[in-house]
C-alpha atoms as a PDB file:
ATOM      1  CA  MET A   1      79.486  67.690  95.140  1.00  0.00           C
ATOM      2  CA  THR A   2      82.926  66.059  94.757  1.00  0.00           C
ATOM      3  CA  ARG A   3      84.660  66.420  91.350  1.00  0.00           C
ATOM      4  CA  LEU A   4      87.788  64.237  91.364  1.00  0.00           C
ATOM      5  CA  HIS A   5      90.704  64.123  89.114  1.00  0.00           C
ATOM      6  CA  VAL A   6      93.045  61.092  89.525  1.00  0.00           C
ATOM      7  CA  TRP A   7      96.415  60.462  88.143  1.00  0.00           C
ATOM      8  CA  ARG A   8      99.747  58.581  88.727  1.00  0.00           C
ATOM      9  CA  GLU A   9     102.240  60.460  90.858  1.00  0.00           C
ATOM     10  CA  GLY A  10     105.512  58.849  89.726  1.00  0.00           C
ATOM     11  CA  GLU A  11     105.790  55.148  89.510  1.00  0.00           C
ATOM     12  CA  ALA A  12     104.710  54.352  93.040  1.00  0.00           C
ATOM     13  CA  ASN A  13     101.571  56.422  93.903  1.00  0.00           C
ATOM     14  CA  LEU A  14      98.179  57.004  92.698  1.00  0.00           C
ATOM     15  CA  ALA A  15      97.077  60.515  93.379  1.00  0.00           C
ATOM     16  CA  ALA A  16      93.762  62.483  93.525  1.00  0.00           C
ATOM     17  CA  ALA A  17      92.370  66.043  94.184  1.00  0.00           C
ATOM     18  CA  ASP A  18      88.897  67.147  94.665  1.00  0.00           C
ATOM     19  CA  THR A  19      88.766  70.130  92.219  1.00  0.00           C
ATOM     20  CA  THR A  20      85.982  71.783  94.090  1.00  0.00           C
ATOM     21  CA  ARG A  21      88.591  72.315  96.830  1.00  0.00           C
ATOM     22  CA  SER A  22      91.439  73.459  94.571  1.00  0.00           C
ATOM     23  CA  PRO A  23      91.988  76.910  93.380  1.00  0.00           C
ATOM     24  CA  ALA A  24      91.034  77.475  89.637  1.00  0.00           C
ATOM     25  CA  ASP A  25      93.505  80.287  89.018  1.00  0.00           C
ATOM     26  CA  GLY A  26      95.812  78.614  86.517  1.00  0.00           C
ATOM     27  CA  THR A  27      98.068  77.230  89.074  1.00  0.00           C
ATOM     28  CA  ARG A  28      99.373  73.655  89.182  1.00  0.00           C
ATOM     29  CA  LEU A  29      96.818  71.129  90.663  1.00  0.00           C
ATOM     30  CA  LEU A  30      98.436  69.369  93.516  1.00  0.00           C
ATOM     31  CA  PRO A  31      97.419  66.137  94.991  1.00  0.00           C
ATOM     32  CA  GLN A  32      95.273  66.166  98.184  1.00  0.00           C
ATOM     33  CA  VAL A  33      95.865  62.440  98.863  1.00  0.00           C
ATOM     34  CA  THR A  34      98.133  59.778  97.532  1.00  0.00           C
ATOM     35  CA  PHE A  35      97.958  55.895  97.604  1.00  0.00           C
ATOM     36  CA  PRO A  36     101.194  53.949  97.484  1.00  0.00           C
ATOM     37  CA  ARG A  37     100.728  50.758  95.499  1.00  0.00           C
ATOM     38  CA  ARG A  38     102.280  47.432  96.298  1.00  0.00           C
ATOM     39  CA  TYR A  39     105.835  47.203  95.002  1.00  0.00           C
ATOM     40  CA  GLU A  40     105.219  44.132  92.904  1.00  0.00           C
ATOM     41  CA  HIS A  41     102.327  45.860  90.920  1.00  0.00           C
ATOM     42  CA  ARG A  42     104.242  48.979  89.876  1.00  0.00           C
ATOM     43  CA  ASN A  43     105.548  47.417  86.728  1.00  0.00           C
ATOM     44  CA  HIS A  44     101.947  47.306  85.479  1.00  0.00           C
ATOM     45  CA  SER A  45     101.432  51.122  85.787  1.00  0.00           C
ATOM     46  CA  GLN A  46     101.229  51.781  82.181  1.00  0.00           C
ATOM     47  CA  ARG A  47      98.213  49.480  81.482  1.00  0.00           C
ATOM     48  CA  GLY A  48      96.525  49.058  84.846  1.00  0.00           C
ATOM     49  CA  ASP A  49      93.354  51.109  85.375  1.00  0.00           C
ATOM     50  CA  PHE A  50      92.503  52.737  88.611  1.00  0.00           C
ATOM     51  CA  ASP A  51      90.067  55.121  90.475  1.00  0.00           C
ATOM     52  CA  VAL A  52      89.746  56.833  93.770  1.00  0.00           C
ATOM     53  CA  ALA A  53      86.710  56.886  96.056  1.00  0.00           C
ATOM     54  CA  PRO A  54      84.694  60.174  96.265  1.00  0.00           C
ATOM     55  CA  ASP A  55      85.630  60.413  99.969  1.00  0.00           C
ATOM     56  CA  LEU A  56      89.216  60.202  99.039  1.00  0.00           C
ATOM     57  CA  ARG A  57      89.761  57.262 101.584  1.00  0.00           C
ATOM     58  CA  THR A  58      90.432  54.399  99.279  1.00  0.00           C
ATOM     59  CA  ALA A  59      91.551  53.574  95.749  1.00  0.00           C
ATOM     60  CA  VAL A  60      91.098  50.642  93.392  1.00  0.00           C
ATOM     61  CA  TYR A  61      93.456  49.509  90.841  1.00  0.00           C
ATOM     62  CA  TYR A  62      93.956  46.684  88.418  1.00  0.00           C
ATOM     63  CA  ALA A  63      97.115  44.755  88.903  1.00  0.00           C
ATOM     64  CA  HIS A  64      97.244  41.817  86.511  1.00  0.00           C
ATOM     65  CA  ASP A  65      95.455  38.619  85.459  1.00  0.00           C
ATOM     66  CA  GLY A  66      91.994  39.964  86.527  1.00  0.00           C
ATOM     67  CA  LEU A  67      93.196  40.922  90.068  1.00  0.00           C
ATOM     68  CA  VAL A  68      91.658  44.196  91.535  1.00  0.00           C
ATOM     69  CA  PHE A  69      93.126  45.574  94.759  1.00  0.00           C
ATOM     70  CA  CYS A  70      91.555  48.289  97.010  1.00  0.00           C
ATOM     71  CA  ILE A  71      94.046  50.147  99.312  1.00  0.00           C
ATOM     72  CA  ASP A  72      93.902  52.978 101.805  1.00  0.00           C
ATOM     73  CA  THR A  73      96.204  55.997 101.929  1.00  0.00           C
ATOM     74  CA  SER A  74      98.825  53.973 103.778  1.00  0.00           C
ATOM     75  CA  GLY A  75      98.970  51.415 100.921  1.00  0.00           C
ATOM     76  CA  ALA A  76      97.356  48.701 103.152  1.00  0.00           C
ATOM     77  CA  VAL A  77      95.175  46.320 101.279  1.00  0.00           C
ATOM     78  CA  VAL A  78      91.506  46.559 102.218  1.00  0.00           C
ATOM     79  CA  TRP A  79      90.443  43.880  99.892  1.00  0.00           C
ATOM     80  CA  GLU A  80      91.363  42.132  96.649  1.00  0.00           C
ATOM     81  CA  ARG A  81      89.135  40.497  94.105  1.00  0.00           C
ATOM     82  CA  ASP A  82      89.828  38.122  91.213  1.00  0.00           C
ATOM     83  CA  LEU A  83      87.391  39.034  88.458  1.00  0.00           C
ATOM     84  CA  HIS A  84      88.606  36.252  86.163  1.00  0.00           C
ATOM     85  CA  ALA A  85      85.424  34.118  85.628  1.00  0.00           C
ATOM     86  CA  ALA A  86      85.713  30.452  86.484  1.00  0.00           C
ATOM     87  CA  GLY A  87      86.153  28.288  83.402  1.00  0.00           C
ATOM     88  CA  ALA A  88      86.995  31.359  81.176  1.00  0.00           C
ATOM     89  CA  PRO A  89      89.451  30.500  78.372  1.00  0.00           C
ATOM     90  CA  GLU A  90      92.994  31.578  78.426  1.00  0.00           C
ATOM     91  CA  GLY A  91      93.763  35.071  77.182  1.00  0.00           C
ATOM     92  CA  MET A  92      94.951  38.628  77.864  1.00  0.00           C
ATOM     93  CA  THR A  93      92.773  40.302  80.521  1.00  0.00           C
ATOM     94  CA  PHE A  94      91.856  44.048  80.622  1.00  0.00           C
ATOM     95  CA  VAL A  95      89.975  45.773  83.430  1.00  0.00           C
ATOM     96  CA  THR A  96      88.379  49.233  83.585  1.00  0.00           C
ATOM     97  CA  LEU A  97      87.257  50.558  87.013  1.00  0.00           C
ATOM     98  CA  GLY A  98      85.040  53.380  88.303  1.00  0.00           C
ATOM     99  CA  TYR A  99      83.566  54.325  91.659  1.00  0.00           C
ATOM    100  CA  ASP A 100      80.005  55.722  91.917  1.00  0.00           C
ATOM    101  CA  ASP A 101      78.445  57.802  94.649  1.00  0.00           C
ATOM    102  CA  ALA A 102      76.540  55.031  96.291  1.00  0.00           C
ATOM    103  CA  GLY A 103      79.454  52.967  97.730  1.00  0.00           C
ATOM    104  CA  ARG A 104      80.094  50.656  94.632  1.00  0.00           C
ATOM    105  CA  VAL A 105      82.872  50.005  92.173  1.00  0.00           C
ATOM    106  CA  TRP A 106      81.925  49.240  88.582  1.00  0.00           C
ATOM    107  CA  ALA A 107      84.439  46.873  86.921  1.00  0.00           C
ATOM    108  CA  LEU A 108      84.522  45.938  83.368  1.00  0.00           C
ATOM    109  CA  TRP A 109      86.293  42.589  82.919  1.00  0.00           C
ATOM    110  CA  SER A 110      87.402  41.895  79.330  1.00  0.00           C
ATOM    111  CA  LEU A 111      89.360  38.904  78.027  1.00  0.00           C
ATOM    112  CA  GLN A 112      91.098  38.787  74.597  1.00  0.00           C
ATOM    113  CA  ARG A 113      91.092  35.136  73.826  1.00  0.00           C
ATOM    114  CA  ARG A 114      94.363  33.415  72.695  1.00  0.00           C
ATOM    115  CA  GLY A 115      94.879  30.593  70.278  1.00  0.00           C
ATOM    116  CA  ARG A 116      93.949  29.567  66.769  1.00  0.00           C
ATOM    117  CA  GLY A 117      90.278  30.121  65.906  1.00  0.00           C
ATOM    118  CA  ALA A 118      89.610  32.196  69.168  1.00  0.00           C
ATOM    119  CA  ASP A 119      87.483  34.806  67.830  1.00  0.00           C
ATOM    120  CA  GLY A 120      85.705  37.524  69.882  1.00  0.00           C
ATOM    121  CA  ARG A 121      86.123  38.353  73.548  1.00  0.00           C
ATOM    122  CA  VAL A 122      84.683  37.339  76.938  1.00  0.00           C
ATOM    123  CA  ASP A 123      83.418  40.315  78.764  1.00  0.00           C
ATOM    124  CA  GLU A 124      81.482  41.143  81.921  1.00  0.00           C
ATOM    125  CA  TRP A 125      80.419  44.306  83.738  1.00  0.00           C
ATOM    126  CA  CYS A 126      80.613  43.650  87.436  1.00  0.00           C
ATOM    127  CA  VAL A 127      79.411  45.785  90.335  1.00  0.00           C
ATOM    128  CA  LEU A 128      81.298  45.364  93.518  1.00  0.00           C
ATOM    129  CA  ASP A 129      80.760  46.500  97.197  1.00  0.00           C
ATOM    130  CA  ALA A 130      83.374  49.263  97.620  1.00  0.00           C
ATOM    131  CA  ALA A 131      83.853  48.361 101.291  1.00  0.00           C
ATOM    132  CA  THR A 132      84.442  44.578 100.873  1.00  0.00           C
ATOM    133  CA  GLY A 133      84.939  43.855  97.291  1.00  0.00           C
ATOM    134  CA  ALA A 134      82.010  41.458  97.191  1.00  0.00           C
ATOM    135  CA  VAL A 135      80.376  40.958  93.770  1.00  0.00           C
ATOM    136  CA  LEU A 136      76.909  42.455  94.029  1.00  0.00           C
ATOM    137  CA  ALA A 137      75.914  41.760  90.453  1.00  0.00           C
ATOM    138  CA  ARG A 138      77.372  41.068  86.937  1.00  0.00           C
ATOM    139  CA  ALA A 139      76.109  41.111  83.350  1.00  0.00           C
ATOM    140  CA  GLY A 140      77.666  39.959  80.061  1.00  0.00           C
ATOM    141  CA  VAL A 141      78.483  42.574  77.557  1.00  0.00           C
ATOM    142  CA  GLU A 142      80.326  42.676  74.190  1.00  0.00           C
ATOM    143  CA  VAL A 143      83.219  45.059  74.257  1.00  0.00           C
ATOM    144  CA  ALA A 144      84.488  46.625  71.047  1.00  0.00           C
ATOM    145  CA  GLY A 145      87.876  47.571  72.413  1.00  0.00           C
ATOM    146  CA  ALA A 146      89.252  50.113  74.924  1.00  0.00           C
ATOM    147  CA  ALA A 147      86.577  51.076  77.443  1.00  0.00           C
ATOM    148  CA  ARG A 148      85.715  54.069  79.666  1.00  0.00           C
ATOM    149  CA  ILE A 149      83.066  54.358  82.373  1.00  0.00           C
ATOM    150  CA  LEU A 150      81.085  57.488  82.741  1.00  0.00           C
ATOM    151  CA  ALA A 151      78.989  58.380  85.723  1.00  0.00           C
ATOM    152  CA  HIS A 152      75.508  59.917  85.106  1.00  0.00           C
ATOM    153  CA  PRO A 153      74.068  62.278  87.694  1.00  0.00           C
ATOM    154  CA  ASP A 154      70.965  60.065  88.078  1.00  0.00           C
ATOM    155  CA  GLY A 155      73.228  57.314  89.680  1.00  0.00           C
ATOM    156  CA  SER A 156      73.490  55.199  86.491  1.00  0.00           C
ATOM    157  CA  MET A 157      76.629  54.415  84.555  1.00  0.00           C
ATOM    158  CA  LEU A 158      77.639  54.564  80.896  1.00  0.00           C
ATOM    159  CA  LEU A 159      80.280  51.978  79.608  1.00  0.00           C
ATOM    160  CA  VAL A 160      81.714  53.487  76.461  1.00  0.00           C
ATOM    161  CA  THR A 161      83.942  51.217  74.205  1.00  0.00           C
ATOM    162  CA  ARG A 162      85.804  51.770  71.025  1.00  0.00           C
ATOM    163  CA  GLY A 163      87.764  49.276  68.888  1.00  0.00           C
ATOM    164  CA  MET A 164      89.935  49.846  65.932  1.00  0.00           C
ATOM    165  CA  TYR A 165      88.472  46.844  64.090  1.00  0.00           C
ATOM    166  CA  TRP A 166      85.235  46.129  65.881  1.00  0.00           C
ATOM    167  CA  GLY A 167      83.539  49.480  65.879  1.00  0.00           C
ATOM    168  CA  SER A 168      82.102  51.065  69.140  1.00  0.00           C
ATOM    169  CA  ALA A 169      79.469  50.198  71.585  1.00  0.00           C
ATOM    170  CA  THR A 170      77.927  51.984  74.540  1.00  0.00           C
ATOM    171  CA  TYR A 171      75.931  50.371  77.459  1.00  0.00           C
ATOM    172  CA  HIS A 172      73.766  51.916  80.098  1.00  0.00           C
ATOM    173  CA  GLY A 173      73.864  50.316  83.460  1.00  0.00           C
ATOM    174  CA  ARG A 174      71.647  50.682  86.612  1.00  0.00           C
ATOM    175  CA  MET A 175      71.616  49.149  89.966  1.00  0.00           C
ATOM    176  CA  ALA A 176      68.126  48.910  91.533  1.00  0.00           C
ATOM    177  CA  ASP A 177      66.847  46.606  94.392  1.00  0.00           C
ATOM    178  CA  GLY A 178      70.222  44.689  94.332  1.00  0.00           C
ATOM    179  CA  ARG A 179      69.829  43.881  90.580  1.00  0.00           C
ATOM    180  CA  LEU A 180      71.944  45.233  87.685  1.00  0.00           C
ATOM    181  CA  THR A 181      70.109  46.080  84.407  1.00  0.00           C
ATOM    182  CA  VAL A 182      72.267  46.681  81.294  1.00  0.00           C
ATOM    183  CA  ALA A 183      71.059  47.793  77.967  1.00  0.00           C
ATOM    184  CA  GLU A 184      73.126  48.750  74.828  1.00  0.00           C
ATOM    185  CA  LEU A 185      72.381  52.020  73.177  1.00  0.00           C
ATOM    186  CA  VAL A 186      71.457  50.930  69.666  1.00  0.00           C
ATOM    187  CA  ALA A 187      69.271  53.835  68.221  1.00  0.00           C
ATOM    188  CA  PRO A 188      70.291  55.243  64.856  1.00  0.00           C
ATOM    189  CA  CYS A 189      71.600  58.422  66.535  1.00  0.00           C
ATOM    190  CA  TRP A 190      74.332  56.446  68.293  1.00  0.00           C
ATOM    191  CA  GLU A 191      75.591  54.531  65.288  1.00  0.00           C
ATOM    192  CA  GLY A 192      79.325  55.158  64.633  1.00  0.00           C
ATOM    193  CA  ARG A 193      79.359  57.543  67.682  1.00  0.00           C
ATOM    194  CA  ILE A 194      81.548  57.698  70.768  1.00  0.00           C
ATOM    195  CA  ILE A 195      79.937  59.294  73.897  1.00  0.00           C
ATOM    196  CA  CYS A 196      82.610  61.518  75.515  1.00  0.00           C
ATOM    197  CA  ASP A 197      80.883  63.483  78.179  1.00  0.00           C
ATOM    198  CA  VAL A 198      77.763  63.930  80.239  1.00  0.00           C
ATOM    199  CA  SER A 199      76.323  67.316  81.085  1.00  0.00           C
ATOM    200  CA  PRO A 200      76.261  68.377  84.778  1.00  0.00           C
ATOM    201  CA  SER A 201      72.455  68.310  84.744  1.00  0.00           C
ATOM    202  CA  GLY A 202      72.355  64.881  83.120  1.00  0.00           C
ATOM    203  CA  ALA A 203      70.104  66.210  80.322  1.00  0.00           C
ATOM    204  CA  MET A 204      72.757  66.103  77.532  1.00  0.00           C
ATOM    205  CA  LEU A 205      75.433  63.697  76.197  1.00  0.00           C
ATOM    206  CA  VAL A 206      78.169  64.766  73.854  1.00  0.00           C
ATOM    207  CA  SER A 207      79.473  62.389  71.096  1.00  0.00           C
ATOM    208  CA  THR A 208      82.215  62.408  68.493  1.00  0.00           C
ATOM    209  CA  GLY A 209      82.719  60.030  65.464  1.00  0.00           C
ATOM    210  CA  ALA A 210      84.291  56.608  65.976  1.00  0.00           C
ATOM    211  CA  GLU A 211      87.236  57.439  63.842  1.00  0.00           C
ATOM    212  CA  ASP A 212      89.521  60.515  63.696  1.00  0.00           C
ATOM    213  CA  GLY A 213      88.514  62.671  60.887  1.00  0.00           C
ATOM    214  CA  ASP A 214      84.766  62.507  61.493  1.00  0.00           C
ATOM    215  CA  PRO A 215      83.420  65.932  60.589  1.00  0.00           C
ATOM    216  CA  ASP A 216      81.430  66.805  63.686  1.00  0.00           C
ATOM    217  CA  VAL A 217      80.566  66.982  67.403  1.00  0.00           C
ATOM    218  CA  ARG A 218      76.956  66.303  68.413  1.00  0.00           C
ATOM    219  CA  VAL A 219      75.103  67.252  71.519  1.00  0.00           C
ATOM    220  CA  HIS A 220      72.318  64.804  72.214  1.00  0.00           C
ATOM    221  CA  ARG A 221      69.341  65.005  74.505  1.00  0.00           C
ATOM    222  CA  TYR A 222      69.240  62.425  77.289  1.00  0.00           C
ATOM    223  CA  PRO A 223      67.897  59.747  77.415  1.00  0.00           C
ATOM    224  CA  ASP A 224      66.306  59.539  73.892  1.00  0.00           C
ATOM    225  CA  GLY A 225      69.602  60.607  72.049  1.00  0.00           C
ATOM    226  CA  GLU A 226      67.840  63.272  69.825  1.00  0.00           C
ATOM    227  CA  VAL A 227      70.528  65.604  68.199  1.00  0.00           C
ATOM    228  CA  LEU A 228      70.088  69.014  69.581  1.00  0.00           C
ATOM    229  CA  SER A 229      73.248  70.616  68.020  1.00  0.00           C
ATOM    230  CA  THR A 230      75.984  69.712  65.493  1.00  0.00           C
ATOM    231  CA  PHE A 231      79.218  71.454  65.066  1.00  0.00           C
ATOM    232  CA  THR A 232      81.585  70.616  62.151  1.00  0.00           C
ATOM    233  CA  VAL A 233      85.340  71.147  62.067  1.00  0.00           C
ATOM    234  CA  GLU A 234      84.752  73.857  59.412  1.00  0.00           C
ATOM    235  CA  ASP A 235      82.578  75.849  61.781  1.00  0.00           C
ATOM    236  CA  LEU A 236      85.125  75.584  64.696  1.00  0.00           C
ATOM    237  CA  VAL A 237      88.240  76.677  62.853  1.00  0.00           C
ATOM    238  CA  ARG A 238      86.578  79.640  61.106  1.00  0.00           C
ATOM    239  CA  GLY A 239      88.697  82.732  61.752  1.00  0.00           C
ATOM    240  CA  ALA A 240      91.594  80.669  63.108  1.00  0.00           C
ATOM    241  CA  ASP A 241      95.043  80.256  61.644  1.00  0.00           C
ATOM    242  CA  GLU A 242      93.702  77.191  59.777  1.00  0.00           C
ATOM    243  CA  PRO A 243      95.974  74.462  58.484  1.00  0.00           C
ATOM    244  CA  GLU A 244      95.061  71.971  55.796  1.00  0.00           C
ATOM    245  CA  GLU A 245      92.817  69.037  56.889  1.00  0.00           C
ATOM    246  CA  PRO A 246      92.065  69.811  60.523  1.00  0.00           C
ATOM    247  CA  TYR A 247      90.097  67.149  62.400  1.00  0.00           C
ATOM    248  CA  ILE A 248      88.247  66.688  65.655  1.00  0.00           C
ATOM    249  CA  SER A 249      89.947  63.887  67.638  1.00  0.00           C
ATOM    250  CA  THR A 250      87.686  61.116  68.932  1.00  0.00           C
ATOM    251  CA  GLY A 251      86.602  62.006  72.404  1.00  0.00           C
ATOM    252  CA  GLY A 252      88.002  65.454  71.978  1.00  0.00           C
ATOM    253  CA  ALA A 253      85.003  67.360  73.346  1.00  0.00           C
ATOM    254  CA  GLY A 254      83.535  67.930  76.792  1.00  0.00           C
ATOM    255  CA  LEU A 255      81.206  70.326  78.749  1.00  0.00           C
ATOM    256  CA  ILE A 256      82.696  73.035  80.875  1.00  0.00           C
ATOM    257  CA  ASP A 257      79.326  73.575  82.323  1.00  0.00           C
ATOM    258  CA  ASP A 258      75.654  73.055  81.059  1.00  0.00           C
ATOM    259  CA  HIS A 259      76.038  75.967  78.493  1.00  0.00           C
ATOM    260  CA  HIS A 260      79.660  75.759  77.359  1.00  0.00           C
ATOM    261  CA  LEU A 261      81.223  73.048  75.230  1.00  0.00           C
ATOM    262  CA  MET A 262      85.025  72.642  74.731  1.00  0.00           C
ATOM    263  CA  ILE A 263      86.169  71.007  71.497  1.00  0.00           C
ATOM    264  CA  THR A 264      89.807  70.339  70.434  1.00  0.00           C
ATOM    265  CA  VAL A 265      90.652  70.614  66.789  1.00  0.00           C
ATOM    266  CA  ALA A 266      94.054  69.209  65.626  1.00  0.00           C
ATOM    267  CA  ARG A 267      96.153  68.371  62.586  1.00  0.00           C
ATOM    268  CA  GLY A 268      98.556  65.469  62.157  1.00  0.00           C
ATOM    269  CA  ASP A 269     101.668  66.313  60.194  1.00  0.00           C
ATOM    270  CA  ASP A 270     101.869  63.824  57.143  1.00  0.00           C
ATOM    271  CA  ASP A 271     105.498  64.844  56.580  1.00  0.00           C
ATOM    272  CA  VAL A 272     106.923  63.504  59.892  1.00  0.00           C
ATOM    273  CA  GLU A 273     108.049  60.002  60.661  1.00  0.00           C
ATOM    274  CA  HIS A 274     104.911  59.367  62.762  1.00  0.00           C
ATOM    275  CA  PRO A 275     101.989  60.572  60.675  1.00  0.00           C
ATOM    276  CA  HIS A 276      99.464  60.771  63.623  1.00  0.00           C
ATOM    277  CA  GLU A 277     101.839  63.203  65.670  1.00  0.00           C
ATOM    278  CA  VAL A 278      99.872  66.332  66.346  1.00  0.00           C
ATOM    279  CA  ASP A 279     101.644  69.459  65.162  1.00  0.00           C
ATOM    280  CA  TRP A 280      98.752  71.953  65.458  1.00  0.00           C
ATOM    281  CA  GLU A 281      95.711  72.276  67.650  1.00  0.00           C
ATOM    282  CA  ILE A 282      93.348  74.787  69.137  1.00  0.00           C
ATOM    283  CA  HIS A 283      90.744  74.548  71.819  1.00  0.00           C
ATOM    284  CA  VAL A 284      87.390  75.998  70.838  1.00  0.00           C
ATOM    285  CA  VAL A 285      84.747  77.012  73.437  1.00  0.00           C
ATOM    286  CA  VAL A 286      81.097  77.067  72.090  1.00  0.00           C
ATOM    287  CA  ASP A 287      78.254  78.730  73.912  1.00  0.00           C
ATOM    288  CA  LEU A 288      75.181  76.262  73.345  1.00  0.00           C
ATOM    289  CA  ARG A 289      72.717  78.958  73.924  1.00  0.00           C
ATOM    290  CA  THR A 290      73.912  81.354  71.180  1.00  0.00           C
ATOM    291  CA  ARG A 291      76.026  78.990  69.031  1.00  0.00           C
ATOM    292  CA  ARG A 292      78.890  81.464  69.089  1.00  0.00           C
ATOM    293  CA  SER A 293      82.374  80.261  69.690  1.00  0.00           C
ATOM    294  CA  ALA A 294      85.933  81.453  70.562  1.00  0.00           C
ATOM    295  CA  VAL A 295      89.365  80.018  70.584  1.00  0.00           C
ATOM    296  CA  LEU A 296      90.767  79.623  74.070  1.00  0.00           C
ATOM    297  CA  PRO A 297      94.001  81.887  74.285  1.00  0.00           C
ATOM    298  CA  PRO A 298      97.304  80.631  75.820  1.00  0.00           C
ATOM    299  CA  GLU A 299      96.922  82.747  79.015  1.00  0.00           C
ATOM    300  CA  ILE A 300      93.925  80.603  80.138  1.00  0.00           C
ATOM    301  CA  GLY A 301      95.273  77.204  78.862  1.00  0.00           C
ATOM    302  CA  GLY A 302      94.866  77.419  75.100  1.00  0.00           C
ATOM    303  CA  ASP A 303      98.405  76.286  74.554  1.00  0.00           C
ATOM    304  CA  SER A 304      97.956  72.957  76.468  1.00  0.00           C
ATOM    305  CA  THR A 305      98.168  69.484  74.890  1.00  0.00           C
ATOM    306  CA  SER A 306      94.728  68.508  75.946  1.00  0.00           C
ATOM    307  CA  ILE A 307      91.876  69.706  78.228  1.00  0.00           C
ATOM    308  CA  GLU A 308      89.584  68.045  80.727  1.00  0.00           C
ATOM    309  CA  PRO A 309      86.376  70.001  81.513  1.00  0.00           C
ATOM    310  CA  PHE A 310      84.759  69.309  84.976  1.00  0.00           C
ATOM    311  CA  GLY A 311      81.295  70.578  84.350  1.00  0.00           C
ATOM    312  CA  ASP A 312      81.372  73.282  87.046  1.00  0.00           C
ATOM    313  CA  GLY A 313      82.829  75.979  85.044  1.00  0.00           C
ATOM    314  CA  THR A 314      86.370  74.823  85.503  1.00  0.00           C
ATOM    315  CA  TYR A 315      88.747  72.664  83.374  1.00  0.00           C
ATOM    316  CA  LEU A 316      92.193  71.034  83.684  1.00  0.00           C
ATOM    317  CA  THR A 317      94.855  71.656  81.155  1.00  0.00           C
ATOM    318  CA  HIS A 318      97.518  68.944  80.620  1.00  0.00           C
ATOM    319  CA  GLN A 319     100.996  70.385  79.915  1.00  0.00           C
ATOM    320  CA  VAL A 320     104.682  69.302  80.108  1.00  0.00           C
ATOM    321  CA  PHE A 321     105.270  70.559  83.670  1.00  0.00           C
ATOM    322  CA  GLY A 322     101.942  69.361  85.245  1.00  0.00           C
ATOM    323  CA  ASP A 323      98.257  69.904  85.221  1.00  0.00           C
ATOM    324  CA  ALA A 324      96.808  73.340  85.792  1.00  0.00           C
ATOM    325  CA  HIS A 325      93.265  74.178  87.061  1.00  0.00           C
ATOM    326  CA  HIS A 326      91.489  77.026  85.291  1.00  0.00           C
ATOM    327  CA  ARG A 327      87.994  78.748  85.376  1.00  0.00           C
ATOM    328  CA  LEU A 328      86.374  80.014  82.275  1.00  0.00           C
ATOM    329  CA  PRO A 329      85.992  83.805  82.576  1.00  0.00           C
ATOM    330  CA  ASP A 330      82.421  85.064  82.723  1.00  0.00           C
ATOM    331  CA  GLY A 331      81.217  86.108  79.369  1.00  0.00           C
ATOM    332  CA  PHE A 332      84.304  84.673  77.681  1.00  0.00           C
ATOM    333  CA  VAL A 333      82.713  83.615  74.347  1.00  0.00           C
ATOM    334  CA  ALA A 334      80.564  86.871  74.019  1.00  0.00           C
ATOM    335  CA  GLY A 335      83.585  89.022  74.799  1.00  0.00           C
ATOM    336  CA  HIS A 336      86.175  87.414  72.616  1.00  0.00           C
ATOM    337  CA  THR A 337      84.508  85.709  69.652  1.00  0.00           C
ATOM    338  CA  GLY A 338      84.411  86.855  66.079  1.00  0.00           C
ATOM    339  CA  GLN A 339      83.171  83.391  65.112  1.00  0.00           C
ATOM    340  CA  ASP A 340      79.705  81.833  64.729  1.00  0.00           C
ATOM    341  CA  ALA A 341      79.408  78.035  65.014  1.00  0.00           C
ATOM    342  CA  GLY A 342      76.962  77.787  62.164  1.00  0.00           C
ATOM    343  CA  ALA A 343      73.317  77.010  61.883  1.00  0.00           C
ATOM    344  CA  PRO A 344      71.591  74.513  64.277  1.00  0.00           C
ATOM    345  CA  GLY A 345      72.174  70.844  63.384  1.00  0.00           C
END
């Protein structure tokens, strides 16, 4: 199974690596393939979304004004698609992209309207043929703000959105018999929650609160959303060099595998010029079978600014001098913990 990490390699190139083919020994993760973008699109690199196909042969990226380009490893354009709906009002366009394993690209097209009295947004979730860019299906959604697309192992997709003023929303999308079915997750267990990861088996989802400072991370059963476990910030920092008012960042949790959850706990320094600047953080690994936990030490990435778990027992640490690929040592929590992550939620 392919597990991709994609990133920008300088201003010109998109890069990708299949982490199943990369050593997980703490060395820097190097690109296995790069995609040079068209020169005129590079100025949009800070806000343009992108993704790479599972076979590493093509990449899609958002350029501007609703335009999505598919390129090969030489930078040649395979296809381009204008997602801007005919007759849509004038406004600022945002696009979020994600490949699935069935030869399709899922693209959220979101328009922030301009002008007096222009409330709300115009939003569509589109499914494109990855080979030709043809629109296979589309459905209207209401996007709360920034969006992220998560692939579920069953072939469906989750569209997770978060807005500073509009709250959050999560949609479940599935293509079957050429038709797109989209449903919003509206059960009470999802109210005020942000889904941040899907387990490798697909049997669990992980959520955090919609705002920084929410006191817990929850593990939910899929698809009904029943809460299986709850972990509060007080549980996670027990035994650590605890500062005042630690918090779990929104989206700051993910599954290393089906049994181990990684959670980042941080604190913003209220005395600095930028109050939300993080001046303290730890990465805590929780064994979901025993509910015991341990702080990740620096020698296996505990000193990184953020961590991205891949679900196969490995994770990526983001540091100043590059990203490093690690594997969680066997028995790590049992061998290093003096903590207990509390009673079941």
